[in-house]
Amino acid sequence: MSAPITLRAGFTAGMLRADDGNVKDVNNRTPPLASYRQANMKGSLLEASGVVEYNFFDYHNRRDKVHFTPYVFVGLAGFYASTQTTSSANPQLDRKAGLISLAIPAGLGFKYALSEHWNLGLEAGARKLFTDNLDHVDGKSRGQDDRVGNPNDQDWYFYNGLSISYTFYKIRCPETGQATGRKD
């Protein structure tokens, strides 16, 4: 779109992991709800996204010595997650299912121009979901002891990793028939 603002389409595949045993409060103790649930979730994820990036430096300008830039991004993503949740203390929480939904990706990164079109990046981002069912613990009652989630909150997942990207852009040429300042 311009030197600092770019549109990016992406595809991400990865693994999802969560464990109540890793949740700690300010005193480094497991909070009561996580201690009661003793749940963990594992699964896989496929995501397609479109984001707007703001690049802080014009890193593709070959006349400059700066060939890297930090950047921030925000956009919209669709994803498919196949997850399984198990609980050693509450077997009624055990579930396995697939989920298709939307998310809002946002984050920051750093990229380096390897060539005129190819980039190497390091990125970290968060995805705010439009569902609370990624881990199958959504706080809606399915039984007497199943209200162990927060029905007023949506799930999130986080991503960090390396990327390789290709930049598409066209070089603007002068219009034909333009005066050149020469007289023949």
N, C-alpha and C. Protein backbone atom coordinates (compact mmCIF):
# COMPACT_ATOMS: atom_id res chain seq x y z
N MET A 1 0.83 -1.19 0.00
CA MET A 1 0.00 0.00 0.00
C MET A 1 0.87 1.25 0.00
N SER A 2 1.93 1.25 0.82
CA SER A 2 2.90 2.34 0.87
C SER A 2 4.17 1.77 1.48
N ALA A 3 5.20 2.60 1.60
CA ALA A 3 6.46 2.10 2.16
C ALA A 3 6.29 1.55 3.58
N PRO A 4 5.60 2.26 4.49
CA PRO A 4 5.50 1.70 5.83
C PRO A 4 4.33 0.75 6.04
N ILE A 5 3.27 0.85 5.23
CA ILE A 5 2.06 0.04 5.45
C ILE A 5 1.94 -1.02 4.37
N THR A 6 1.86 -2.28 4.81
CA THR A 6 1.75 -3.40 3.88
C THR A 6 0.58 -4.30 4.28
N LEU A 7 0.05 -5.01 3.29
CA LEU A 7 -0.96 -6.03 3.53
C LEU A 7 -0.26 -7.38 3.44
N ARG A 8 -0.63 -8.28 4.33
CA ARG A 8 0.02 -9.59 4.34
C ARG A 8 -1.03 -10.68 4.48
N ALA A 9 -0.94 -11.69 3.66
CA ALA A 9 -1.75 -12.89 3.79
C ALA A 9 -0.82 -13.98 4.31
N GLY A 10 -1.33 -14.82 5.19
CA GLY A 10 -0.47 -15.85 5.76
C GLY A 10 -1.21 -17.13 6.06
N PHE A 11 -0.44 -18.19 6.17
CA PHE A 11 -0.95 -19.49 6.58
C PHE A 11 -0.04 -20.01 7.69
N THR A 12 -0.63 -20.41 8.80
CA THR A 12 0.12 -20.89 9.95
C THR A 12 -0.39 -22.27 10.35
N ALA A 13 0.51 -23.17 10.66
CA ALA A 13 0.16 -24.48 11.21
C ALA A 13 0.98 -24.66 12.47
N GLY A 14 0.37 -25.22 13.50
CA GLY A 14 1.11 -25.40 14.73
C GLY A 14 0.40 -26.30 15.71
N MET A 15 1.02 -26.44 16.87
CA MET A 15 0.49 -27.26 17.95
C MET A 15 -0.02 -26.36 19.07
N LEU A 16 -1.09 -26.77 19.72
CA LEU A 16 -1.64 -26.04 20.86
C LEU A 16 -1.39 -26.85 22.13
N ARG A 17 -1.01 -26.16 23.20
CA ARG A 17 -0.78 -26.80 24.49
C ARG A 17 -1.24 -25.86 25.59
N ALA A 18 -1.90 -26.40 26.61
CA ALA A 18 -2.28 -25.64 27.81
C ALA A 18 -2.39 -26.62 28.97
N ASP A 19 -2.02 -26.17 30.17
CA ASP A 19 -2.04 -27.04 31.34
C ASP A 19 -2.34 -26.20 32.58
N ASP A 20 -3.38 -26.57 33.32
CA ASP A 20 -3.72 -25.86 34.56
C ASP A 20 -2.57 -25.88 35.56
N GLY A 21 -1.72 -26.89 35.50
CA GLY A 21 -0.57 -26.98 36.41
C GLY A 21 0.46 -25.88 36.18
N ASN A 22 0.42 -25.24 35.01
CA ASN A 22 1.35 -24.14 34.70
C ASN A 22 0.82 -22.77 35.13
N VAL A 23 -0.42 -22.71 35.59
CA VAL A 23 -1.02 -21.44 36.00
C VAL A 23 -0.61 -21.16 37.44
N LYS A 24 -0.02 -19.98 37.66
CA LYS A 24 0.42 -19.60 39.00
C LYS A 24 -0.12 -18.21 39.34
N ASP A 25 -0.40 -17.99 40.63
CA ASP A 25 -0.84 -16.66 41.08
C ASP A 25 0.38 -15.84 41.49
N VAL A 26 0.14 -14.67 42.07
CA VAL A 26 1.26 -13.79 42.44
C VAL A 26 2.17 -14.39 43.50
N ASN A 27 1.68 -15.36 44.26
CA ASN A 27 2.49 -16.03 45.28
C ASN A 27 3.09 -17.34 44.77
N ASN A 28 3.05 -17.54 43.43
CA ASN A 28 3.58 -18.73 42.79
C ASN A 28 2.85 -20.02 43.21
N ARG A 29 1.57 -19.89 43.53
CA ARG A 29 0.74 -21.05 43.85
C ARG A 29 -0.28 -21.27 42.74
N THR A 30 -0.74 -22.49 42.59
CA THR A 30 -1.79 -22.78 41.63
C THR A 30 -3.11 -22.24 42.17
N PRO A 31 -3.82 -21.39 41.41
CA PRO A 31 -5.10 -20.84 41.88
C PRO A 31 -6.13 -21.95 42.12
N PRO A 32 -7.13 -21.69 42.96
CA PRO A 32 -8.11 -22.73 43.32
C PRO A 32 -8.83 -23.36 42.12
N LEU A 33 -9.27 -22.57 41.14
CA LEU A 33 -10.00 -23.14 40.01
C LEU A 33 -9.11 -24.07 39.20
N ALA A 34 -7.88 -23.65 38.90
CA ALA A 34 -6.96 -24.50 38.15
C ALA A 34 -6.61 -25.75 38.95
N SER A 35 -6.47 -25.63 40.26
CA SER A 35 -6.18 -26.77 41.12
C SER A 35 -7.35 -27.75 41.13
N TYR A 36 -8.58 -27.23 41.13
CA TYR A 36 -9.77 -28.07 41.12
C TYR A 36 -9.93 -28.78 39.78
N ARG A 37 -9.73 -28.05 38.67
CA ARG A 37 -9.92 -28.63 37.34
C ARG A 37 -8.86 -29.65 37.00
N GLN A 38 -7.60 -29.31 37.24
CA GLN A 38 -6.45 -30.15 36.86
C GLN A 38 -6.57 -30.64 35.42
N ALA A 39 -6.89 -29.69 34.54
CA ALA A 39 -7.10 -30.01 33.12
C ALA A 39 -5.87 -29.63 32.29
N ASN A 40 -5.71 -30.36 31.19
CA ASN A 40 -4.72 -29.97 30.19
C ASN A 40 -5.31 -30.19 28.82
N MET A 41 -4.83 -29.42 27.87
CA MET A 41 -5.34 -29.46 26.51
C MET A 41 -4.18 -29.60 25.54
N LYS A 42 -4.37 -30.44 24.51
CA LYS A 42 -3.40 -30.63 23.44
C LYS A 42 -4.16 -30.63 22.13
N GLY A 43 -3.49 -30.19 21.08
CA GLY A 43 -4.15 -30.22 19.78
C GLY A 43 -3.31 -29.60 18.69
N SER A 44 -3.93 -29.49 17.53
CA SER A 44 -3.27 -28.88 16.38
C SER A 44 -4.13 -27.76 15.84
N LEU A 45 -3.50 -26.88 15.07
CA LEU A 45 -4.18 -25.68 14.59
C LEU A 45 -3.74 -25.36 13.17
N LEU A 46 -4.69 -24.97 12.33
CA LEU A 46 -4.43 -24.43 11.00
C LEU A 46 -5.09 -23.06 10.95
N GLU A 47 -4.35 -22.05 10.49
CA GLU A 47 -4.87 -20.69 10.48
C GLU A 47 -4.55 -20.02 9.15
N ALA A 48 -5.54 -19.31 8.58
CA ALA A 48 -5.34 -18.45 7.41
C ALA A 48 -5.67 -17.04 7.87
N SER A 49 -4.79 -16.08 7.54
CA SER A 49 -4.99 -14.72 8.06
C SER A 49 -4.68 -13.67 7.01
N GLY A 50 -5.24 -12.51 7.23
CA GLY A 50 -4.93 -11.31 6.47
C GLY A 50 -4.68 -10.21 7.48
N VAL A 51 -3.54 -9.55 7.41
CA VAL A 51 -3.20 -8.52 8.39
C VAL A 51 -2.66 -7.28 7.70
N VAL A 52 -2.71 -6.17 8.42
CA VAL A 52 -2.09 -4.93 8.01
C VAL A 52 -0.86 -4.75 8.88
N GLU A 53 0.29 -4.52 8.24
CA GLU A 53 1.55 -4.31 8.97
C GLU A 53 1.97 -2.85 8.88
N TYR A 54 2.55 -2.37 9.95
CA TYR A 54 3.22 -1.07 9.92
C TYR A 54 4.71 -1.32 10.13
N ASN A 55 5.52 -1.03 9.11
CA ASN A 55 6.97 -1.20 9.16
C ASN A 55 7.61 0.13 9.55
N PHE A 56 8.48 0.10 10.53
CA PHE A 56 9.08 1.33 11.03
C PHE A 56 10.18 1.88 10.13
N PHE A 57 10.86 1.01 9.33
CA PHE A 57 11.92 1.46 8.44
C PHE A 57 11.60 1.02 7.02
N ASP A 58 12.12 1.75 6.02
CA ASP A 58 11.99 1.38 4.62
C ASP A 58 13.11 0.38 4.30
N TYR A 59 12.94 -0.84 4.74
CA TYR A 59 14.01 -1.84 4.69
C TYR A 59 14.25 -2.43 3.30
N HIS A 60 13.35 -2.21 2.34
CA HIS A 60 13.53 -2.73 0.99
C HIS A 60 14.24 -1.75 0.06
N ASN A 61 14.53 -0.56 0.54
CA ASN A 61 15.22 0.42 -0.28
C ASN A 61 16.69 0.03 -0.37
N ARG A 62 17.14 -0.44 -1.52
CA ARG A 62 18.49 -0.96 -1.69
C ARG A 62 19.57 0.13 -1.63
N ARG A 63 19.18 1.41 -1.76
CA ARG A 63 20.17 2.49 -1.65
C ARG A 63 20.55 2.73 -0.19
N ASP A 64 19.65 2.40 0.73
CA ASP A 64 19.94 2.59 2.16
C ASP A 64 20.73 1.41 2.71
N LYS A 65 21.37 1.65 3.83
CA LYS A 65 22.12 0.59 4.49
C LYS A 65 21.25 -0.22 5.46
N VAL A 66 20.03 0.25 5.73
CA VAL A 66 19.12 -0.42 6.66
C VAL A 66 18.28 -1.43 5.87
N HIS A 67 18.49 -2.71 6.15
CA HIS A 67 17.75 -3.77 5.46
C HIS A 67 16.92 -4.59 6.44
N PHE A 68 16.54 -3.97 7.55
CA PHE A 68 15.71 -4.63 8.56
C PHE A 68 14.69 -3.63 9.07
N THR A 69 13.65 -4.14 9.71
CA THR A 69 12.66 -3.25 10.33
C THR A 69 11.92 -3.98 11.44
N PRO A 70 11.63 -3.30 12.53
CA PRO A 70 10.63 -3.80 13.46
C PRO A 70 9.26 -3.45 12.88
N TYR A 71 8.23 -4.20 13.24
CA TYR A 71 6.89 -3.92 12.73
C TYR A 71 5.83 -4.36 13.74
N VAL A 72 4.63 -3.82 13.58
CA VAL A 72 3.46 -4.24 14.35
C VAL A 72 2.38 -4.63 13.34
N PHE A 73 1.43 -5.45 13.78
CA PHE A 73 0.38 -5.89 12.86
C PHE A 73 -0.93 -6.14 13.60
N VAL A 74 -2.03 -6.08 12.84
CA VAL A 74 -3.37 -6.43 13.33
C VAL A 74 -4.18 -6.88 12.11
N GLY A 75 -5.14 -7.79 12.31
CA GLY A 75 -5.90 -8.28 11.18
C GLY A 75 -7.06 -9.17 11.57
N LEU A 76 -7.40 -10.09 10.67
CA LEU A 76 -8.49 -11.04 10.87
C LEU A 76 -8.01 -12.41 10.40
N ALA A 77 -8.37 -13.46 11.15
CA ALA A 77 -7.95 -14.82 10.80
C ALA A 77 -9.11 -15.79 10.98
N GLY A 78 -9.09 -16.82 10.18
CA GLY A 78 -9.98 -17.96 10.36
C GLY A 78 -9.11 -19.15 10.72
N PHE A 79 -9.61 -20.03 11.60
CA PHE A 79 -8.79 -21.16 12.01
C PHE A 79 -9.62 -22.41 12.22
N TYR A 80 -8.92 -23.54 12.13
CA TYR A 80 -9.48 -24.84 12.50
C TYR A 80 -8.56 -25.41 13.57
N ALA A 81 -9.14 -25.78 14.71
CA ALA A 81 -8.38 -26.39 15.79
C ALA A 81 -8.99 -27.74 16.13
N SER A 82 -8.16 -28.74 16.26
CA SER A 82 -8.57 -30.07 16.71
C SER A 82 -7.91 -30.27 18.07
N THR A 83 -8.70 -30.25 19.14
CA THR A 83 -8.12 -30.30 20.48
C THR A 83 -8.76 -31.39 21.33
N GLN A 84 -7.99 -31.82 22.34
CA GLN A 84 -8.46 -32.80 23.31
C GLN A 84 -8.12 -32.28 24.70
N THR A 85 -9.13 -32.21 25.56
CA THR A 85 -8.94 -31.77 26.94
C THR A 85 -9.17 -32.96 27.85
N THR A 86 -8.26 -33.16 28.81
CA THR A 86 -8.40 -34.22 29.80
C THR A 86 -8.17 -33.62 31.19
N SER A 87 -8.78 -34.27 32.18
CA SER A 87 -8.62 -33.83 33.56
C SER A 87 -8.43 -35.05 34.44
N SER A 88 -7.37 -35.03 35.25
CA SER A 88 -7.13 -36.15 36.16
C SER A 88 -8.10 -36.12 37.34
N ALA A 89 -8.64 -34.94 37.69
CA ALA A 89 -9.53 -34.81 38.84
C ALA A 89 -11.00 -34.79 38.45
N ASN A 90 -11.32 -34.38 37.21
CA ASN A 90 -12.72 -34.23 36.78
C ASN A 90 -12.93 -34.86 35.41
N PRO A 91 -13.17 -36.17 35.35
CA PRO A 91 -13.31 -36.84 34.05
C PRO A 91 -14.46 -36.29 33.20
N GLN A 92 -15.44 -35.60 33.80
CA GLN A 92 -16.53 -35.03 33.01
C GLN A 92 -16.05 -33.90 32.11
N LEU A 93 -14.81 -33.41 32.31
CA LEU A 93 -14.23 -32.37 31.45
C LEU A 93 -13.53 -32.96 30.23
N ASP A 94 -13.35 -34.28 30.21
CA ASP A 94 -12.65 -34.92 29.08
C ASP A 94 -13.48 -34.77 27.81
N ARG A 95 -12.88 -34.13 26.79
CA ARG A 95 -13.56 -33.92 25.52
C ARG A 95 -12.53 -33.86 24.41
N LYS A 96 -12.98 -34.26 23.22
CA LYS A 96 -12.16 -34.15 22.02
C LYS A 96 -13.07 -33.69 20.90
N ALA A 97 -12.68 -32.62 20.20
CA ALA A 97 -13.51 -32.10 19.12
C ALA A 97 -12.71 -31.14 18.25
N GLY A 98 -13.27 -30.84 17.09
CA GLY A 98 -12.71 -29.85 16.19
C GLY A 98 -13.53 -28.58 16.27
N LEU A 99 -12.91 -27.47 15.92
CA LEU A 99 -13.57 -26.17 16.02
C LEU A 99 -13.12 -25.28 14.87
N ILE A 100 -14.08 -24.65 14.20
CA ILE A 100 -13.79 -23.65 13.17
C ILE A 100 -14.33 -22.32 13.69
N SER A 101 -13.48 -21.27 13.67
CA SER A 101 -13.91 -19.98 14.18
C SER A 101 -13.02 -18.86 13.64
N LEU A 102 -13.28 -17.65 14.12
CA LEU A 102 -12.51 -16.46 13.73
C LEU A 102 -11.69 -15.96 14.90
N ALA A 103 -10.63 -15.21 14.58
CA ALA A 103 -9.76 -14.62 15.59
C ALA A 103 -9.24 -13.28 15.07
N ILE A 104 -8.82 -12.45 16.01
CA ILE A 104 -8.16 -11.18 15.67
C ILE A 104 -6.68 -11.32 16.04
N PRO A 105 -5.80 -11.45 15.02
CA PRO A 105 -4.38 -11.53 15.31
C PRO A 105 -3.78 -10.13 15.49
N ALA A 106 -2.91 -9.98 16.47
CA ALA A 106 -2.18 -8.73 16.70
C ALA A 106 -0.83 -9.09 17.28
N GLY A 107 0.19 -8.29 16.96
CA GLY A 107 1.50 -8.60 17.50
C GLY A 107 2.58 -7.71 16.95
N LEU A 108 3.81 -8.18 17.11
CA LEU A 108 4.98 -7.43 16.67
C LEU A 108 6.03 -8.38 16.16
N GLY A 109 6.97 -7.82 15.41
CA GLY A 109 8.01 -8.67 14.86
C GLY A 109 9.18 -7.86 14.37
N PHE A 110 10.10 -8.57 13.80
CA PHE A 110 11.33 -8.00 13.26
C PHE A 110 11.62 -8.76 11.98
N LYS A 111 11.86 -8.06 10.87
CA LYS A 111 12.19 -8.77 9.63
C LYS A 111 13.40 -8.15 8.95
N TYR A 112 14.09 -9.00 8.22
CA TYR A 112 15.31 -8.65 7.52
C TYR A 112 15.12 -8.99 6.04
N ALA A 113 15.45 -8.05 5.15
CA ALA A 113 15.35 -8.27 3.71
C ALA A 113 16.57 -9.08 3.24
N LEU A 114 16.34 -10.33 2.89
CA LEU A 114 17.41 -11.19 2.36
C LEU A 114 17.77 -10.79 0.94
N SER A 115 16.76 -10.33 0.19
CA SER A 115 16.95 -9.87 -1.19
C SER A 115 15.86 -8.86 -1.49
N GLU A 116 15.70 -8.55 -2.76
CA GLU A 116 14.69 -7.56 -3.14
C GLU A 116 13.27 -8.02 -2.76
N HIS A 117 13.02 -9.32 -2.77
CA HIS A 117 11.67 -9.83 -2.49
C HIS A 117 11.58 -10.74 -1.27
N TRP A 118 12.64 -11.42 -0.90
CA TRP A 118 12.58 -12.40 0.18
C TRP A 118 12.96 -11.79 1.53
N ASN A 119 12.21 -12.16 2.58
CA ASN A 119 12.43 -11.65 3.94
C ASN A 119 12.51 -12.81 4.93
N LEU A 120 13.28 -12.61 5.97
CA LEU A 120 13.35 -13.53 7.10
C LEU A 120 12.80 -12.78 8.30
N GLY A 121 11.86 -13.39 9.03
CA GLY A 121 11.22 -12.69 10.14
C GLY A 121 11.19 -13.48 11.42
N LEU A 122 11.09 -12.74 12.51
CA LEU A 122 10.88 -13.27 13.86
C LEU A 122 9.67 -12.54 14.40
N GLU A 123 8.64 -13.29 14.83
CA GLU A 123 7.37 -12.66 15.17
C GLU A 123 6.75 -13.28 16.42
N ALA A 124 6.03 -12.45 17.17
CA ALA A 124 5.23 -12.91 18.31
C ALA A 124 3.86 -12.25 18.20
N GLY A 125 2.83 -13.04 18.40
CA GLY A 125 1.48 -12.49 18.26
C GLY A 125 0.48 -13.20 19.15
N ALA A 126 -0.61 -12.50 19.42
CA ALA A 126 -1.73 -13.05 20.19
C ALA A 126 -2.95 -13.11 19.28
N ARG A 127 -3.79 -14.09 19.51
CA ARG A 127 -5.03 -14.22 18.76
C ARG A 127 -6.20 -14.19 19.73
N LYS A 128 -7.04 -13.17 19.64
CA LYS A 128 -8.26 -13.05 20.45
C LYS A 128 -9.35 -13.78 19.69
N LEU A 129 -9.92 -14.81 20.29
CA LEU A 129 -10.92 -15.63 19.63
C LEU A 129 -12.33 -15.08 19.84
N PHE A 130 -13.23 -15.47 18.97
CA PHE A 130 -14.65 -15.15 19.09
C PHE A 130 -15.41 -16.32 19.70
N THR A 131 -14.71 -17.19 20.41
CA THR A 131 -15.32 -18.35 21.04
C THR A 131 -14.61 -18.62 22.37
N ASP A 132 -15.29 -19.34 23.24
CA ASP A 132 -14.70 -19.76 24.51
C ASP A 132 -14.64 -21.29 24.56
N ASN A 133 -14.57 -21.90 23.41
CA ASN A 133 -14.66 -23.36 23.36
C ASN A 133 -13.42 -24.02 22.77
N LEU A 134 -12.30 -23.31 22.69
CA LEU A 134 -11.08 -23.90 22.15
C LEU A 134 -10.62 -25.08 23.01
N ASP A 135 -10.72 -24.93 24.33
CA ASP A 135 -10.30 -25.98 25.26
C ASP A 135 -11.47 -26.81 25.78
N HIS A 136 -12.67 -26.57 25.27
CA HIS A 136 -13.89 -27.30 25.66
C HIS A 136 -14.30 -27.03 27.10
N VAL A 137 -13.74 -26.00 27.71
CA VAL A 137 -14.12 -25.59 29.07
C VAL A 137 -14.61 -24.16 28.94
N ASP A 138 -15.93 -24.01 28.69
CA ASP A 138 -16.46 -22.69 28.38
C ASP A 138 -17.28 -22.06 29.50
N GLY A 139 -17.45 -22.73 30.63
CA GLY A 139 -18.18 -22.16 31.75
C GLY A 139 -19.69 -22.32 31.66
N LYS A 140 -20.17 -22.97 30.60
CA LYS A 140 -21.60 -23.23 30.49
C LYS A 140 -21.88 -24.59 31.11
N SER A 141 -22.93 -24.67 31.87
CA SER A 141 -23.22 -25.89 32.63
C SER A 141 -23.65 -27.02 31.71
N ARG A 142 -22.94 -28.14 31.78
CA ARG A 142 -23.34 -29.37 31.08
C ARG A 142 -23.63 -30.46 32.09
N GLY A 143 -23.44 -30.15 33.33
CA GLY A 143 -23.65 -31.11 34.40
C GLY A 143 -23.44 -30.42 35.73
N GLN A 144 -23.62 -31.14 36.81
CA GLN A 144 -23.53 -30.56 38.15
C GLN A 144 -22.18 -29.90 38.43
N ASP A 145 -21.08 -30.53 38.05
CA ASP A 145 -19.75 -30.02 38.37
C ASP A 145 -19.02 -29.43 37.16
N ASP A 146 -19.75 -29.07 36.10
CA ASP A 146 -19.09 -28.64 34.88
C ASP A 146 -18.93 -27.12 34.77
N ARG A 147 -19.33 -26.33 35.73
CA ARG A 147 -19.18 -24.87 35.65
C ARG A 147 -17.80 -24.49 36.16
N VAL A 148 -16.78 -24.90 35.43
CA VAL A 148 -15.40 -24.68 35.87
C VAL A 148 -14.64 -23.75 34.93
N GLY A 149 -15.34 -23.07 34.05
CA GLY A 149 -14.74 -22.08 33.16
C GLY A 149 -15.37 -20.73 33.43
N ASN A 150 -14.93 -19.72 32.71
CA ASN A 150 -15.48 -18.38 32.85
C ASN A 150 -16.40 -18.10 31.66
N PRO A 151 -17.73 -18.05 31.87
CA PRO A 151 -18.65 -17.83 30.75
C PRO A 151 -18.60 -16.41 30.21
N ASN A 152 -17.88 -15.50 30.87
CA ASN A 152 -17.83 -14.10 30.44
C ASN A 152 -16.52 -13.75 29.75
N ASP A 153 -15.74 -14.75 29.36
CA ASP A 153 -14.43 -14.50 28.76
C ASP A 153 -14.27 -15.39 27.54
N GLN A 154 -13.53 -14.92 26.54
CA GLN A 154 -13.24 -15.70 25.34
C GLN A 154 -11.82 -16.24 25.43
N ASP A 155 -11.53 -17.29 24.65
CA ASP A 155 -10.21 -17.88 24.64
C ASP A 155 -9.23 -17.05 23.81
N TRP A 156 -7.95 -17.28 24.03
CA TRP A 156 -6.86 -16.68 23.29
C TRP A 156 -5.87 -17.79 22.93
N TYR A 157 -5.10 -17.61 21.89
CA TYR A 157 -3.91 -18.42 21.70
C TYR A 157 -2.79 -17.50 21.24
N PHE A 158 -1.58 -17.93 21.49
CA PHE A 158 -0.40 -17.11 21.23
C PHE A 158 0.54 -17.84 20.28
N TYR A 159 1.25 -17.08 19.49
CA TYR A 159 2.14 -17.62 18.47
C TYR A 159 3.48 -16.90 18.55
N ASN A 160 4.54 -17.65 18.36
CA ASN A 160 5.85 -17.04 18.13
C ASN A 160 6.64 -17.98 17.22
N GLY A 161 7.45 -17.39 16.38
CA GLY A 161 8.21 -18.24 15.49
C GLY A 161 8.96 -17.47 14.43
N LEU A 162 9.63 -18.23 13.57
CA LEU A 162 10.37 -17.70 12.43
C LEU A 162 9.50 -17.79 11.18
N SER A 163 9.69 -16.85 10.27
CA SER A 163 8.92 -16.89 9.03
C SER A 163 9.80 -16.52 7.85
N ILE A 164 9.41 -16.99 6.70
CA ILE A 164 10.00 -16.58 5.43
C ILE A 164 8.86 -16.02 4.61
N SER A 165 9.05 -14.82 4.08
CA SER A 165 7.97 -14.19 3.30
C SER A 165 8.50 -13.65 1.99
N TYR A 166 7.58 -13.45 1.06
CA TYR A 166 7.89 -12.93 -0.25
C TYR A 166 7.11 -11.64 -0.43
N THR A 167 7.77 -10.57 -0.83
CA THR A 167 7.12 -9.27 -1.00
C THR A 167 6.78 -9.06 -2.47
N PHE A 168 5.49 -8.81 -2.75
CA PHE A 168 5.03 -8.48 -4.09
C PHE A 168 4.88 -6.97 -4.16
N TYR A 169 5.49 -6.37 -5.14
CA TYR A 169 5.26 -4.95 -5.38
C TYR A 169 5.69 -4.65 -6.80
N LYS A 170 5.15 -3.57 -7.34
CA LYS A 170 5.55 -3.20 -8.69
C LYS A 170 6.27 -1.87 -8.65
N ILE A 171 7.21 -1.71 -9.56
CA ILE A 171 7.95 -0.47 -9.67
C ILE A 171 7.19 0.42 -10.63
N ARG A 172 6.91 1.63 -10.20
CA ARG A 172 6.16 2.56 -11.04
C ARG A 172 7.07 3.16 -12.10
N CYS A 173 6.66 3.03 -13.34
CA CYS A 173 7.40 3.58 -14.47
C CYS A 173 6.74 4.89 -14.90
N PRO A 174 7.50 5.80 -15.50
CA PRO A 174 6.89 7.04 -15.99
C PRO A 174 5.85 6.73 -17.06
N GLU A 175 4.82 7.57 -17.12
CA GLU A 175 3.79 7.37 -18.14
C GLU A 175 4.37 7.63 -19.51
N THR A 176 3.88 6.93 -20.53
CA THR A 176 4.36 7.14 -21.89
C THR A 176 3.85 8.48 -22.41
N GLY A 177 4.63 9.12 -23.26
CA GLY A 177 4.24 10.40 -23.82
C GLY A 177 4.59 11.57 -22.91
N GLN A 178 5.27 11.29 -21.83
CA GLN A 178 5.66 12.36 -20.89
C GLN A 178 6.82 13.14 -21.48
N ALA A 179 6.84 14.44 -21.26
CA ALA A 179 7.91 15.27 -21.78
C ALA A 179 9.23 14.89 -21.13
N THR A 180 10.26 14.81 -21.93
CA THR A 180 11.57 14.43 -21.42
C THR A 180 12.52 15.62 -21.30
N GLY A 181 12.13 16.75 -21.84
CA GLY A 181 12.99 17.92 -21.80
C GLY A 181 13.97 17.97 -22.95
N ARG A 182 13.92 16.99 -23.86
CA ARG A 182 14.81 16.98 -25.04
C ARG A 182 14.09 17.56 -26.23
N LYS A 183 14.83 18.19 -27.09
CA LYS A 183 14.28 18.68 -28.36
C LYS A 183 14.95 17.90 -29.48
N ASP A 184 14.17 17.34 -30.35
CA ASP A 184 14.73 16.56 -31.47
C ASP A 184 14.80 17.39 -32.72
